[in-house]
């Protein structure tokens, strides 16, 4: 997997800052090591499928609290951006992969009530 297609640490922080600005909350990084670990999940050979990587990427931020506030919002955005960047590399996804991904993600991240139309992210 090429590092060009990774969501950068700076990109993760930028998404977090945008969410805090949009909906409020306390800014700041709570656990830099968690943030680094979440970033590294994207290239980890431990997770075999794209969806395992996506779920663990966002799940690490969400469950282990990389930020002071806005962890679920940021984790969700990371998953979306990660999958959007991989769409060119993985144009077709089976139903089974989609189902497993949703099951893993939604057990880790509560469903958001915010419409994607309200989001101000051009790349998420």
PDB file of N, CA and C in Angstrom:
ATOM      1  N   UNK A   1       0.844  -1.178   0.000  1.00  0.00           N
ATOM      2  CA  UNK A   1       0.000   0.000   0.000  1.00  0.00           C
ATOM      3  C   UNK A   1       0.885   1.235   0.000  1.00  0.00           C
ATOM      4  N   UNK A   2       0.598   2.118  -0.872  1.00  0.00           N
ATOM      5  CA  UNK A   2       1.413   3.324  -1.002  1.00  0.00           C
ATOM      6  C   UNK A   2       1.080   4.323   0.100  1.00  0.00           C
ATOM      7  N   UNK A   3       2.112   4.971   0.640  1.00  0.00           N
ATOM      8  CA  UNK A   3       1.883   5.948   1.696  1.00  0.00           C
ATOM      9  C   UNK A   3       1.219   7.213   1.167  1.00  0.00           C
ATOM     10  N   UNK A   4       1.202   7.386  -0.157  1.00  0.00           N
ATOM     11  CA  UNK A   4       0.528   8.532  -0.750  1.00  0.00           C
ATOM     12  C   UNK A   4      -0.967   8.477  -0.439  1.00  0.00           C
ATOM     13  N   UNK A   5      -1.511   7.269  -0.302  1.00  0.00           N
ATOM     14  CA  UNK A   5      -2.942   7.094  -0.085  1.00  0.00           C
ATOM     15  C   UNK A   5      -3.329   6.983   1.385  1.00  0.00           C
ATOM     16  N   UNK A   6      -2.448   7.338   2.283  1.00  0.00           N
ATOM     17  CA  UNK A   6      -2.759   7.290   3.700  1.00  0.00           C
ATOM     18  C   UNK A   6      -3.377   8.610   4.147  1.00  0.00           C
ATOM     19  N   UNK A   7      -4.190   8.538   5.185  1.00  0.00           N
ATOM     20  CA  UNK A   7      -4.683   9.744   5.830  1.00  0.00           C
ATOM     21  C   UNK A   7      -3.570  10.175   6.785  1.00  0.00           C
ATOM     22  N   UNK A   8      -3.019  11.346   6.566  1.00  0.00           N
ATOM     23  CA  UNK A   8      -1.874  11.809   7.354  1.00  0.00           C
ATOM     24  C   UNK A   8      -2.297  12.191   8.771  1.00  0.00           C
ATOM     25  N   UNK A   9      -1.327  12.227   9.662  1.00  0.00           N
ATOM     26  CA  UNK A   9      -1.602  12.669  11.029  1.00  0.00           C
ATOM     27  C   UNK A   9      -2.090  14.114  11.003  1.00  0.00           C
ATOM     28  N   UNK A  10      -1.479  14.926  10.155  1.00  0.00           N
ATOM     29  CA  UNK A  10      -1.923  16.318  10.023  1.00  0.00           C
ATOM     30  C   UNK A  10      -3.369  16.372   9.529  1.00  0.00           C
ATOM     31  N   UNK A  11      -3.727  15.459   8.614  1.00  0.00           N
ATOM     32  CA  UNK A  11      -5.101  15.393   8.109  1.00  0.00           C
ATOM     33  C   UNK A  11      -6.091  15.000   9.190  1.00  0.00           C
ATOM     34  N   UNK A  12      -5.687  14.076  10.054  1.00  0.00           N
ATOM     35  CA  UNK A  12      -6.543  13.652  11.166  1.00  0.00           C
ATOM     36  C   UNK A  12      -6.784  14.836  12.103  1.00  0.00           C
ATOM     37  N   UNK A  13      -5.718  15.536  12.436  1.00  0.00           N
ATOM     38  CA  UNK A  13      -5.829  16.690  13.341  1.00  0.00           C
ATOM     39  C   UNK A  13      -6.679  17.786  12.708  1.00  0.00           C
ATOM     40  N   UNK A  14      -6.505  18.002  11.412  1.00  0.00           N
ATOM     41  CA  UNK A  14      -7.301  19.025  10.711  1.00  0.00           C
ATOM     42  C   UNK A  14      -8.790  18.675  10.742  1.00  0.00           C
ATOM     43  N   UNK A  15      -9.125  17.392  10.498  1.00  0.00           N
ATOM     44  CA  UNK A  15     -10.539  16.984  10.562  1.00  0.00           C
ATOM     45  C   UNK A  15     -11.096  17.210  11.961  1.00  0.00           C
ATOM     46  N   UNK A  16     -10.305  16.868  12.979  1.00  0.00           N
ATOM     47  CA  UNK A  16     -10.732  17.070  14.361  1.00  0.00           C
ATOM     48  C   UNK A  16     -10.998  18.553  14.628  1.00  0.00           C
ATOM     49  N   UNK A  17     -10.069  19.391  14.219  1.00  0.00           N
ATOM     50  CA  UNK A  17     -10.225  20.831  14.448  1.00  0.00           C
ATOM     51  C   UNK A  17     -11.457  21.391  13.737  1.00  0.00           C
ATOM     52  N   UNK A  18     -11.753  20.881  12.542  1.00  0.00           N
ATOM     53  CA  UNK A  18     -12.943  21.328  11.815  1.00  0.00           C
ATOM     54  C   UNK A  18     -14.213  20.923  12.553  1.00  0.00           C
ATOM     55  N   UNK A  19     -14.237  19.706  13.097  1.00  0.00           N
ATOM     56  CA  UNK A  19     -15.410  19.260  13.854  1.00  0.00           C
ATOM     57  C   UNK A  19     -15.595  20.116  15.106  1.00  0.00           C
ATOM     58  N   UNK A  20     -14.516  20.400  15.796  1.00  0.00           N
ATOM     59  CA  UNK A  20     -14.607  21.211  17.014  1.00  0.00           C
ATOM     60  C   UNK A  20     -15.123  22.608  16.673  1.00  0.00           C
ATOM     61  N   UNK A  21     -14.631  23.164  15.576  1.00  0.00           N
ATOM     62  CA  UNK A  21     -15.097  24.486  15.148  1.00  0.00           C
ATOM     63  C   UNK A  21     -16.573  24.449  14.752  1.00  0.00           C
ATOM     64  N   UNK A  22     -16.995  23.388  14.079  1.00  0.00           N
ATOM     65  CA  UNK A  22     -18.368  23.278  13.591  1.00  0.00           C
ATOM     66  C   UNK A  22     -19.375  23.028  14.711  1.00  0.00           C
ATOM     67  N   UNK A  23     -19.065  22.101  15.604  1.00  0.00           N
ATOM     68  CA  UNK A  23     -20.048  21.694  16.609  1.00  0.00           C
ATOM     69  C   UNK A  23     -19.650  22.006  18.051  1.00  0.00           C
ATOM     70  N   UNK A  24     -18.460  22.531  18.230  1.00  0.00           N
ATOM     71  CA  UNK A  24     -18.022  22.866  19.574  1.00  0.00           C
ATOM     72  C   UNK A  24     -17.323  21.701  20.262  1.00  0.00           C
ATOM     73  N   UNK A  25     -16.760  22.004  21.398  1.00  0.00           N
ATOM     74  CA  UNK A  25     -16.029  21.016  22.169  1.00  0.00           C
ATOM     75  C   UNK A  25     -14.657  21.552  22.527  1.00  0.00           C
ATOM     76  N   UNK A  26     -13.951  20.768  23.306  1.00  0.00           N
ATOM     77  CA  UNK A  26     -12.618  21.175  23.753  1.00  0.00           C
ATOM     78  C   UNK A  26     -11.565  20.751  22.740  1.00  0.00           C
ATOM     79  N   UNK A  27     -10.733  21.673  22.285  1.00  0.00           N
ATOM     80  CA  UNK A  27      -9.678  21.317  21.334  1.00  0.00           C
ATOM     81  C   UNK A  27      -8.510  20.637  22.040  1.00  0.00           C
ATOM     82  N   UNK A  28      -7.670  19.995  21.272  1.00  0.00           N
ATOM     83  CA  UNK A  28      -6.433  19.456  21.818  1.00  0.00           C
ATOM     84  C   UNK A  28      -6.299  17.955  21.680  1.00  0.00           C
ATOM     85  N   UNK A  29      -5.050  17.522  21.678  1.00  0.00           N
ATOM     86  CA  UNK A  29      -4.736  16.096  21.596  1.00  0.00           C
ATOM     87  C   UNK A  29      -4.577  15.563  23.013  1.00  0.00           C
ATOM     88  N   UNK A  30      -5.289  14.501  23.330  1.00  0.00           N
ATOM     89  CA  UNK A  30      -5.243  13.896  24.648  1.00  0.00           C
ATOM     90  C   UNK A  30      -4.114  12.877  24.755  1.00  0.00           C
ATOM     91  N   UNK A  31      -3.985  12.028  23.713  1.00  0.00           N
ATOM     92  CA  UNK A  31      -2.998  10.950  23.736  1.00  0.00           C
ATOM     93  C   UNK A  31      -2.294  10.858  22.387  1.00  0.00           C
ATOM     94  N   UNK A  32      -1.148  11.520  22.233  1.00  0.00           N
ATOM     95  CA  UNK A  32      -0.422  11.493  20.960  1.00  0.00           C
ATOM     96  C   UNK A  32      -0.043  10.070  20.518  1.00  0.00           C
ATOM     97  N   UNK A  33       0.226   9.185  21.473  1.00  0.00           N
ATOM     98  CA  UNK A  33       0.581   7.814  21.121  1.00  0.00           C
ATOM     99  C   UNK A  33      -0.582   7.077  20.471  1.00  0.00           C
ATOM    100  N   UNK A  34      -1.796   7.361  20.917  1.00  0.00           N
ATOM    101  CA  UNK A  34      -2.986   6.754  20.307  1.00  0.00           C
ATOM    102  C   UNK A  34      -3.153   7.264  18.885  1.00  0.00           C
ATOM    103  N   UNK A  35      -2.919   8.537  18.692  1.00  0.00           N
ATOM    104  CA  UNK A  35      -3.016   9.133  17.363  1.00  0.00           C
ATOM    105  C   UNK A  35      -2.016   8.483  16.406  1.00  0.00           C
ATOM    106  N   UNK A  36      -0.801   8.288  16.858  1.00  0.00           N
ATOM    107  CA  UNK A  36       0.223   7.639  16.043  1.00  0.00           C
ATOM    108  C   UNK A  36      -0.141   6.183  15.757  1.00  0.00           C
ATOM    109  N   UNK A  37      -0.643   5.486  16.745  1.00  0.00           N
ATOM    110  CA  UNK A  37      -1.036   4.090  16.557  1.00  0.00           C
ATOM    111  C   UNK A  37      -2.185   3.987  15.551  1.00  0.00           C
ATOM    112  N   UNK A  38      -3.158   4.884  15.663  1.00  0.00           N
ATOM    113  CA  UNK A  38      -4.283   4.876  14.721  1.00  0.00           C
ATOM    114  C   UNK A  38      -3.772   5.101  13.298  1.00  0.00           C
ATOM    115  N   UNK A  39      -2.853   6.028  13.132  1.00  0.00           N
ATOM    116  CA  UNK A  39      -2.262   6.289  11.816  1.00  0.00           C
ATOM    117  C   UNK A  39      -1.583   5.029  11.272  1.00  0.00           C
ATOM    118  N   UNK A  40      -0.828   4.356  12.123  1.00  0.00           N
ATOM    119  CA  UNK A  40      -0.074   3.181  11.684  1.00  0.00           C
ATOM    120  C   UNK A  40      -0.951   1.990  11.338  1.00  0.00           C
ATOM    121  N   UNK A  41      -2.185   1.965  11.827  1.00  0.00           N
ATOM    122  CA  UNK A  41      -3.112   0.879  11.492  1.00  0.00           C
ATOM    123  C   UNK A  41      -3.308   0.800   9.974  1.00  0.00           C
ATOM    124  N   UNK A  42      -3.236   1.929   9.295  1.00  0.00           N
ATOM    125  CA  UNK A  42      -3.449   1.960   7.847  1.00  0.00           C
ATOM    126  C   UNK A  42      -2.446   1.105   7.076  1.00  0.00           C
ATOM    127  N   UNK A  43      -1.257   0.922   7.631  1.00  0.00           N
ATOM    128  CA  UNK A  43      -0.224   0.149   6.932  1.00  0.00           C
ATOM    129  C   UNK A  43       0.128  -1.147   7.655  1.00  0.00           C
ATOM    130  N   UNK A  44      -0.592  -1.442   8.709  1.00  0.00           N
ATOM    131  CA  UNK A  44      -0.299  -2.632   9.513  1.00  0.00           C
ATOM    132  C   UNK A  44      -0.621  -3.913   8.739  1.00  0.00           C
ATOM    133  N   UNK A  45       0.304  -4.868   8.726  1.00  0.00           N
ATOM    134  CA  UNK A  45       0.014  -6.151   8.081  1.00  0.00           C
ATOM    135  C   UNK A  45      -0.898  -7.029   8.938  1.00  0.00           C
ATOM    136  N   UNK A  46      -1.137  -6.641  10.189  1.00  0.00           N
ATOM    137  CA  UNK A  46      -1.969  -7.427  11.093  1.00  0.00           C
ATOM    138  C   UNK A  46      -3.411  -7.483  10.604  1.00  0.00           C
ATOM    139  N   UNK A  47      -3.914  -6.373  10.089  1.00  0.00           N
ATOM    140  CA  UNK A  47      -5.283  -6.311   9.583  1.00  0.00           C
ATOM    141  C   UNK A  47      -5.260  -6.632   8.103  1.00  0.00           C
ATOM    142  N   UNK A  48      -5.955  -7.698   7.729  1.00  0.00           N
ATOM    143  CA  UNK A  48      -5.843  -8.217   6.372  1.00  0.00           C
ATOM    144  C   UNK A  48      -6.671  -7.467   5.344  1.00  0.00           C
ATOM    145  N   UNK A  49      -7.881  -7.079   5.712  1.00  0.00           N
ATOM    146  CA  UNK A  49      -8.759  -6.458   4.719  1.00  0.00           C
ATOM    147  C   UNK A  49      -8.808  -4.944   4.884  1.00  0.00           C
ATOM    148  N   UNK A  50      -9.225  -4.309   3.843  1.00  0.00           N
ATOM    149  CA  UNK A  50      -9.414  -2.861   3.845  1.00  0.00           C
ATOM    150  C   UNK A  50     -10.375  -2.451   4.957  1.00  0.00           C
ATOM    151  N   UNK A  51     -11.413  -3.231   5.145  1.00  0.00           N
ATOM    152  CA  UNK A  51     -12.438  -2.873   6.116  1.00  0.00           C
ATOM    153  C   UNK A  51     -11.971  -3.077   7.556  1.00  0.00           C
ATOM    154  N   UNK A  52     -11.147  -4.077   7.779  1.00  0.00           N
ATOM    155  CA  UNK A  52     -10.559  -4.243   9.109  1.00  0.00           C
ATOM    156  C   UNK A  52      -9.656  -3.054   9.435  1.00  0.00           C
ATOM    157  N   UNK A  53      -8.896  -2.626   8.449  1.00  0.00           N
ATOM    158  CA  UNK A  53      -8.023  -1.464   8.654  1.00  0.00           C
ATOM    159  C   UNK A  53      -8.848  -0.211   8.918  1.00  0.00           C
ATOM    160  N   UNK A  54      -9.898  -0.004   8.130  1.00  0.00           N
ATOM    161  CA  UNK A  54     -10.742   1.180   8.303  1.00  0.00           C
ATOM    162  C   UNK A  54     -11.404   1.184   9.680  1.00  0.00           C
ATOM    163  N   UNK A  55     -11.964   0.048  10.077  1.00  0.00           N
ATOM    164  CA  UNK A  55     -12.650  -0.030  11.369  1.00  0.00           C
ATOM    165  C   UNK A  55     -11.680   0.199  12.521  1.00  0.00           C
ATOM    166  N   UNK A  56     -10.499  -0.365  12.434  1.00  0.00           N
ATOM    167  CA  UNK A  56      -9.523  -0.196  13.504  1.00  0.00           C
ATOM    168  C   UNK A  56      -8.888   1.183  13.488  1.00  0.00           C
ATOM    169  N   UNK A  57      -8.758   1.775  12.315  1.00  0.00           N
ATOM    170  CA  UNK A  57      -8.238   3.136  12.188  1.00  0.00           C
ATOM    171  C   UNK A  57      -9.143   4.109  12.952  1.00  0.00           C
ATOM    172  N   UNK A  58     -10.412   4.128  12.593  1.00  0.00           N
ATOM    173  CA  UNK A  58     -11.365   5.014  13.270  1.00  0.00           C
ATOM    174  C   UNK A  58     -11.651   4.585  14.691  1.00  0.00           C
ATOM    175  N   UNK A  59     -11.691   3.269  14.913  1.00  0.00           N
ATOM    176  CA  UNK A  59     -11.992   2.742  16.237  1.00  0.00           C
ATOM    177  C   UNK A  59     -10.946   3.089  17.275  1.00  0.00           C
ATOM    178  N   UNK A  60      -9.684   3.130  16.880  1.00  0.00           N
ATOM    179  CA  UNK A  60      -8.616   3.492  17.824  1.00  0.00           C
ATOM    180  C   UNK A  60      -8.805   4.926  18.319  1.00  0.00           C
ATOM    181  N   UNK A  61      -9.122   5.817  17.415  1.00  0.00           N
ATOM    182  CA  UNK A  61      -9.344   7.214  17.796  1.00  0.00           C
ATOM    183  C   UNK A  61     -10.562   7.321  18.704  1.00  0.00           C
ATOM    184  N   UNK A  62     -11.621   6.608  18.347  1.00  0.00           N
ATOM    185  CA  UNK A  62     -12.872   6.674  19.084  1.00  0.00           C
ATOM    186  C   UNK A  62     -12.785   6.051  20.464  1.00  0.00           C
ATOM    187  N   UNK A  63     -12.304   4.835  20.521  1.00  0.00           N
ATOM    188  CA  UNK A  63     -12.327   4.084  21.779  1.00  0.00           C
ATOM    189  C   UNK A  63     -11.193   4.439  22.730  1.00  0.00           C
ATOM    190  N   UNK A  64     -10.052   4.832  22.179  1.00  0.00           N
ATOM    191  CA  UNK A  64      -8.899   5.107  23.036  1.00  0.00           C
ATOM    192  C   UNK A  64      -8.671   6.602  23.266  1.00  0.00           C
ATOM    193  N   UNK A  65      -9.558   7.423  22.757  1.00  0.00           N
ATOM    194  CA  UNK A  65      -9.567   8.865  23.020  1.00  0.00           C
ATOM    195  C   UNK A  65      -8.252   9.568  22.697  1.00  0.00           C
ATOM    196  N   UNK A  66      -7.994   9.692  21.409  1.00  0.00           N
ATOM    197  CA  UNK A  66      -6.803  10.407  20.958  1.00  0.00           C
ATOM    198  C   UNK A  66      -6.909  11.904  21.259  1.00  0.00           C
ATOM    199  N   UNK A  67      -8.136  12.420  21.256  1.00  0.00           N
ATOM    200  CA  UNK A  67      -8.349  13.857  21.448  1.00  0.00           C
ATOM    201  C   UNK A  67      -9.087  14.127  22.756  1.00  0.00           C
ATOM    202  N   UNK A  68      -9.046  15.366  23.187  1.00  0.00           N
ATOM    203  CA  UNK A  68      -9.746  15.767  24.403  1.00  0.00           C
ATOM    204  C   UNK A  68     -11.253  15.628  24.197  1.00  0.00           C
ATOM    205  N   UNK A  69     -11.729  15.993  23.016  1.00  0.00           N
ATOM    206  CA  UNK A  69     -13.159  15.957  22.700  1.00  0.00           C
ATOM    207  C   UNK A  69     -13.298  15.675  21.206  1.00  0.00           C
ATOM    208  N   UNK A  70     -14.443  15.193  20.787  1.00  0.00           N
ATOM    209  CA  UNK A  70     -14.717  14.981  19.366  1.00  0.00           C
ATOM    210  C   UNK A  70     -14.112  13.715  18.795  1.00  0.00           C
ATOM    211  N   UNK A  71     -13.865  12.715  19.615  1.00  0.00           N
ATOM    212  CA  UNK A  71     -13.227  11.490  19.148  1.00  0.00           C
ATOM    213  C   UNK A  71     -14.111  10.682  18.200  1.00  0.00           C
ATOM    214  N   UNK A  72     -15.408  10.561  18.518  1.00  0.00           N
ATOM    215  CA  UNK A  72     -16.305   9.795  17.638  1.00  0.00           C
ATOM    216  C   UNK A  72     -16.456  10.477  16.283  1.00  0.00           C
ATOM    217  N   UNK A  73     -16.605  11.788  16.309  1.00  0.00           N
ATOM    218  CA  UNK A  73     -16.732  12.539  15.055  1.00  0.00           C
ATOM    219  C   UNK A  73     -15.482  12.383  14.199  1.00  0.00           C
ATOM    220  N   UNK A  74     -14.337  12.490  14.836  1.00  0.00           N
ATOM    221  CA  UNK A  74     -13.075  12.403  14.111  1.00  0.00           C
ATOM    222  C   UNK A  74     -12.837  10.983  13.610  1.00  0.00           C
ATOM    223  N   UNK A  75     -13.117   9.987  14.436  1.00  0.00           N
ATOM    224  CA  UNK A  75     -12.953   8.592  14.023  1.00  0.00           C
ATOM    225  C   UNK A  75     -13.815   8.259  12.821  1.00  0.00           C
ATOM    226  N   UNK A  76     -15.055   8.721  12.841  1.00  0.00           N
ATOM    227  CA  UNK A  76     -15.966   8.507  11.721  1.00  0.00           C
ATOM    228  C   UNK A  76     -15.424   9.164  10.443  1.00  0.00           C
ATOM    229  N   UNK A  77     -14.951  10.383  10.565  1.00  0.00           N
ATOM    230  CA  UNK A  77     -14.408  11.097   9.407  1.00  0.00           C
ATOM    231  C   UNK A  77     -13.159  10.409   8.863  1.00  0.00           C
ATOM    232  N   UNK A  78     -12.338   9.876   9.752  1.00  0.00           N
ATOM    233  CA  UNK A  78     -11.140   9.153   9.317  1.00  0.00           C
ATOM    234  C   UNK A  78     -11.508   7.915   8.501  1.00  0.00           C
ATOM    235  N   UNK A  79     -12.514   7.201   8.961  1.00  0.00           N
ATOM    236  CA  UNK A  79     -12.966   6.015   8.221  1.00  0.00           C
ATOM    237  C   UNK A  79     -13.455   6.419   6.837  1.00  0.00           C
ATOM    238  N   UNK A  80     -14.287   7.439   6.774  1.00  0.00           N
ATOM    239  CA  UNK A  80     -14.810   7.888   5.472  1.00  0.00           C
ATOM    240  C   UNK A  80     -13.696   8.314   4.529  1.00  0.00           C
ATOM    241  N   UNK A  81     -12.761   9.087   5.043  1.00  0.00           N
ATOM    242  CA  UNK A  81     -11.673   9.577   4.186  1.00  0.00           C
ATOM    243  C   UNK A  81     -10.779   8.416   3.742  1.00  0.00           C
ATOM    244  N   UNK A  82     -10.467   7.516   4.665  1.00  0.00           N
ATOM    245  CA  UNK A  82      -9.639   6.350   4.342  1.00  0.00           C
ATOM    246  C   UNK A  82     -10.280   5.536   3.224  1.00  0.00           C
ATOM    247  N   UNK A  83     -11.564   5.247   3.347  1.00  0.00           N
ATOM    248  CA  UNK A  83     -12.249   4.450   2.325  1.00  0.00           C
ATOM    249  C   UNK A  83     -12.389   5.210   1.010  1.00  0.00           C
ATOM    250  N   UNK A  84     -12.618   6.506   1.087  1.00  0.00           N
ATOM    251  CA  UNK A  84     -12.735   7.309  -0.138  1.00  0.00           C
ATOM    252  C   UNK A  84     -11.422   7.304  -0.911  1.00  0.00           C
ATOM    253  N   UNK A  85     -10.311   7.362  -0.204  1.00  0.00           N
ATOM    254  CA  UNK A  85      -9.009   7.346  -0.877  1.00  0.00           C
ATOM    255  C   UNK A  85      -8.705   5.982  -1.472  1.00  0.00           C
ATOM    256  N   UNK A  86      -9.242   4.944  -0.898  1.00  0.00           N
ATOM    257  CA  UNK A  86      -8.980   3.594  -1.384  1.00  0.00           C
ATOM    258  C   UNK A  86      -9.933   3.173  -2.500  1.00  0.00           C
ATOM    259  N   UNK A  87     -10.965   3.955  -2.744  1.00  0.00           N
ATOM    260  CA  UNK A  87     -11.960   3.588  -3.746  1.00  0.00           C
ATOM    261  C   UNK A  87     -11.321   3.361  -5.111  1.00  0.00           C
ATOM    262  N   UNK A  88     -10.320   4.147  -5.452  1.00  0.00           N
ATOM    263  CA  UNK A  88      -9.648   3.987  -6.738  1.00  0.00           C
ATOM    264  C   UNK A  88      -8.883   2.667  -6.801  1.00  0.00           C
ATOM    265  N   UNK A  89      -8.377   2.239  -5.645  1.00  0.00           N
ATOM    266  CA  UNK A  89      -7.614   0.996  -5.604  1.00  0.00           C
ATOM    267  C   UNK A  89      -8.515  -0.227  -5.471  1.00  0.00           C
ATOM    268  N   UNK A  90      -9.681  -0.057  -4.864  1.00  0.00           N
ATOM    269  CA  UNK A  90     -10.614  -1.160  -4.627  1.00  0.00           C
ATOM    270  C   UNK A  90     -11.995  -0.750  -5.142  1.00  0.00           C
ATOM    271  N   UNK A  91     -12.196  -0.757  -6.465  1.00  0.00           N
ATOM    272  CA  UNK A  91     -13.446  -0.247  -7.010  1.00  0.00           C
ATOM    273  C   UNK A  91     -14.674  -1.085  -6.685  1.00  0.00           C
ATOM    274  N   UNK A  92     -14.520  -2.414  -6.486  1.00  0.00           N
ATOM    275  CA  UNK A  92     -15.687  -3.228  -6.184  1.00  0.00           C
ATOM    276  C   UNK A  92     -15.529  -3.879  -4.820  1.00  0.00           C
ATOM    277  N   UNK A  93     -16.590  -3.821  -4.063  1.00  0.00           N
ATOM    278  CA  UNK A  93     -16.591  -4.373  -2.716  1.00  0.00           C
ATOM    279  C   UNK A  93     -17.770  -5.328  -2.606  1.00  0.00           C
ATOM    280  N   UNK A  94     -17.514  -6.527  -2.092  1.00  0.00           N
ATOM    281  CA  UNK A  94     -18.586  -7.512  -1.969  1.00  0.00           C
ATOM    282  C   UNK A  94     -19.520  -7.149  -0.818  1.00  0.00           C
ATOM    283  N   UNK A  95     -20.704  -7.720  -0.871  1.00  0.00           N
ATOM    284  CA  UNK A  95     -21.679  -7.493   0.186  1.00  0.00           C
ATOM    285  C   UNK A  95     -21.128  -7.992   1.524  1.00  0.00           C
ATOM    286  N   UNK A  96     -20.484  -9.148   1.518  1.00  0.00           N
ATOM    287  CA  UNK A  96     -19.941  -9.710   2.757  1.00  0.00           C
ATOM    288  C   UNK A  96     -18.923  -8.768   3.401  1.00  0.00           C
ATOM    289  N   UNK A  97     -18.052  -8.187   2.603  1.00  0.00           N
ATOM    290  CA  UNK A  97     -17.066  -7.260   3.137  1.00  0.00           C
ATOM    291  C   UNK A  97     -17.752  -6.022   3.710  1.00  0.00           C
ATOM    292  N   UNK A  98     -18.765  -5.537   3.011  1.00  0.00           N
ATOM    293  CA  UNK A  98     -19.498  -4.364   3.470  1.00  0.00           C
ATOM    294  C   UNK A  98     -20.201  -4.658   4.790  1.00  0.00           C
ATOM    295  N   UNK A  99     -20.858  -5.815   4.869  1.00  0.00           N
ATOM    296  CA  UNK A  99     -21.566  -6.183   6.090  1.00  0.00           C
ATOM    297  C   UNK A  99     -20.611  -6.300   7.274  1.00  0.00           C
ATOM    298  N   UNK A 100     -19.491  -6.977   7.093  1.00  0.00           N
ATOM    299  CA  UNK A 100     -18.520  -7.132   8.172  1.00  0.00           C
ATOM    300  C   UNK A 100     -17.971  -5.789   8.618  1.00  0.00           C
ATOM    301  N   UNK A 101     -17.724  -4.920   7.643  1.00  0.00           N
ATOM    302  CA  UNK A 101     -17.230  -3.585   7.965  1.00  0.00           C
ATOM    303  C   UNK A 101     -18.248  -2.830   8.815  1.00  0.00           C
ATOM    304  N   UNK A 102     -19.498  -2.818   8.373  1.00  0.00           N
ATOM    305  CA  UNK A 102     -20.524  -2.088   9.114  1.00  0.00           C
ATOM    306  C   UNK A 102     -20.677  -2.644  10.527  1.00  0.00           C
ATOM    307  N   UNK A 103     -20.669  -3.945  10.643  1.00  0.00           N
ATOM    308  CA  UNK A 103     -20.814  -4.558  11.960  1.00  0.00           C
ATOM    309  C   UNK A 103     -19.668  -4.150  12.890  1.00  0.00           C
ATOM    310  N   UNK A 104     -18.453  -4.158  12.384  1.00  0.00           N
ATOM    311  CA  UNK A 104     -17.302  -3.777  13.204  1.00  0.00           C
ATOM    312  C   UNK A 104     -17.331  -2.285  13.545  1.00  0.00           C
ATOM    313  N   UNK A 105     -17.644  -1.471  12.557  1.00  0.00           N
ATOM    314  CA  UNK A 105     -17.642  -0.026  12.783  1.00  0.00           C
ATOM    315  C   UNK A 105     -18.750   0.379  13.735  1.00  0.00           C
ATOM    316  N   UNK A 106     -19.950  -0.082  13.502  1.00  0.00           N
ATOM    317  CA  UNK A 106     -21.076   0.398  14.303  1.00  0.00           C
ATOM    318  C   UNK A 106     -21.115  -0.206  15.696  1.00  0.00           C
ATOM    319  N   UNK A 107     -20.324  -1.220  15.967  1.00  0.00           N
ATOM    320  CA  UNK A 107     -20.194  -1.664  17.351  1.00  0.00           C
ATOM    321  C   UNK A 107     -19.188  -0.790  18.086  1.00  0.00           C
ATOM    322  N   UNK A 108     -18.312  -0.126  17.337  1.00  0.00           N
ATOM    323  CA  UNK A 108     -17.306   0.740  17.953  1.00  0.00           C
ATOM    324  C   UNK A 108     -17.718   2.204  17.938  1.00  0.00           C
ATOM    325  N   UNK A 109     -18.476   2.609  16.939  1.00  0.00           N
ATOM    326  CA  UNK A 109     -18.811   4.023  16.765  1.00  0.00           C
ATOM    327  C   UNK A 109     -20.331   4.171  16.679  1.00  0.00           C
ATOM    328  N   UNK A 110     -20.951   4.915  17.590  1.00  0.00           N
ATOM    329  CA  UNK A 110     -22.397   5.127  17.519  1.00  0.00           C
ATOM    330  C   UNK A 110     -22.788   5.858  16.233  1.00  0.00           C
ATOM    331  N   UNK A 111     -23.970   5.576  15.783  1.00  0.00           N
ATOM    332  CA  UNK A 111     -24.470   6.210  14.559  1.00  0.00           C
ATOM    333  C   UNK A 111     -24.585   7.716  14.765  1.00  0.00           C
ATOM    334  N   UNK A 112     -24.162   8.463  13.785  1.00  0.00           N
ATOM    335  CA  UNK A 112     -24.218   9.918  13.883  1.00  0.00           C
ATOM    336  C   UNK A 112     -25.521  10.429  13.273  1.00  0.00           C
ATOM    337  N   UNK A 113     -26.068  11.450  13.902  1.00  0.00           N
ATOM    338  CA  UNK A 113     -27.311  12.045  13.431  1.00  0.00           C
ATOM    339  C   UNK A 113     -27.055  13.248  12.537  1.00  0.00           C
ATOM    340  N   UNK A 114     -25.802  13.549  12.346  1.00  0.00           N
ATOM    341  CA  UNK A 114     -25.447  14.717  11.535  1.00  0.00           C
ATOM    342  C   UNK A 114     -25.444  14.331  10.066  1.00  0.00           C
ATOM    343  N   UNK A 115     -26.165  15.045   9.279  1.00  0.00           N
ATOM    344  CA  UNK A 115     -26.219  14.786   7.852  1.00  0.00           C
ATOM    345  C   UNK A 115     -24.901  15.172   7.187  1.00  0.00           C
ATOM    346  N   UNK A 116     -24.503  14.388   6.202  1.00  0.00           N
ATOM    347  CA  UNK A 116     -23.263  14.696   5.483  1.00  0.00           C
ATOM    348  C   UNK A 116     -23.377  16.047   4.772  1.00  0.00           C
ATOM    349  N   UNK A 117     -24.578  16.473   4.483  1.00  0.00           N
ATOM    350  CA  UNK A 117     -24.770  17.760   3.820  1.00  0.00           C
ATOM    351  C   UNK A 117     -24.354  18.920   4.713  1.00  0.00           C
ATOM    352  N   UNK A 118     -24.445  18.752   6.023  1.00  0.00           N
ATOM    353  CA  UNK A 118     -24.075  19.821   6.957  1.00  0.00           C
ATOM    354  C   UNK A 118     -22.584  19.900   7.158  1.00  0.00           C
ATOM    355  N   UNK A 119     -21.873  18.835   6.782  1.00  0.00           N
ATOM    356  CA  UNK A 119     -20.432  18.825   6.989  1.00  0.00           C
ATOM    357  C   UNK A 119     -19.755  19.769   6.013  1.00  0.00           C
ATOM    358  N   UNK A 120     -18.722  20.450   6.474  1.00  0.00           N
ATOM    359  CA  UNK A 120     -18.020  21.416   5.653  1.00  0.00           C
ATOM    360  C   UNK A 120     -16.725  20.849   5.078  1.00  0.00           C
ATOM    361  N   UNK A 121     -16.579  19.539   5.132  1.00  0.00           N
ATOM    362  CA  UNK A 121     -15.351  18.931   4.672  1.00  0.00           C
ATOM    363  C   UNK A 121     -15.459  18.647   3.172  1.00  0.00           C
ATOM    364  N   UNK A 122     -14.555  19.160   2.415  1.00  0.00           N
ATOM    365  CA  UNK A 122     -14.588  18.913   0.978  1.00  0.00           C
ATOM    366  C   UNK A 122     -14.005  17.545   0.633  1.00  0.00           C
ATOM    367  N   UNK A 123     -13.165  17.008   1.517  1.00  0.00           N
ATOM    368  CA  UNK A 123     -12.511  15.740   1.208  1.00  0.00           C
ATOM    369  C   UNK A 123     -12.948  14.594   2.098  1.00  0.00           C
ATOM    370  N   UNK A 124     -14.007  14.792   2.860  1.00  0.00           N
ATOM    371  CA  UNK A 124     -14.478  13.712   3.736  1.00  0.00           C
ATOM    372  C   UNK A 124     -15.827  13.251   3.259  1.00  0.00           C
TER     373      UNK A 124
END
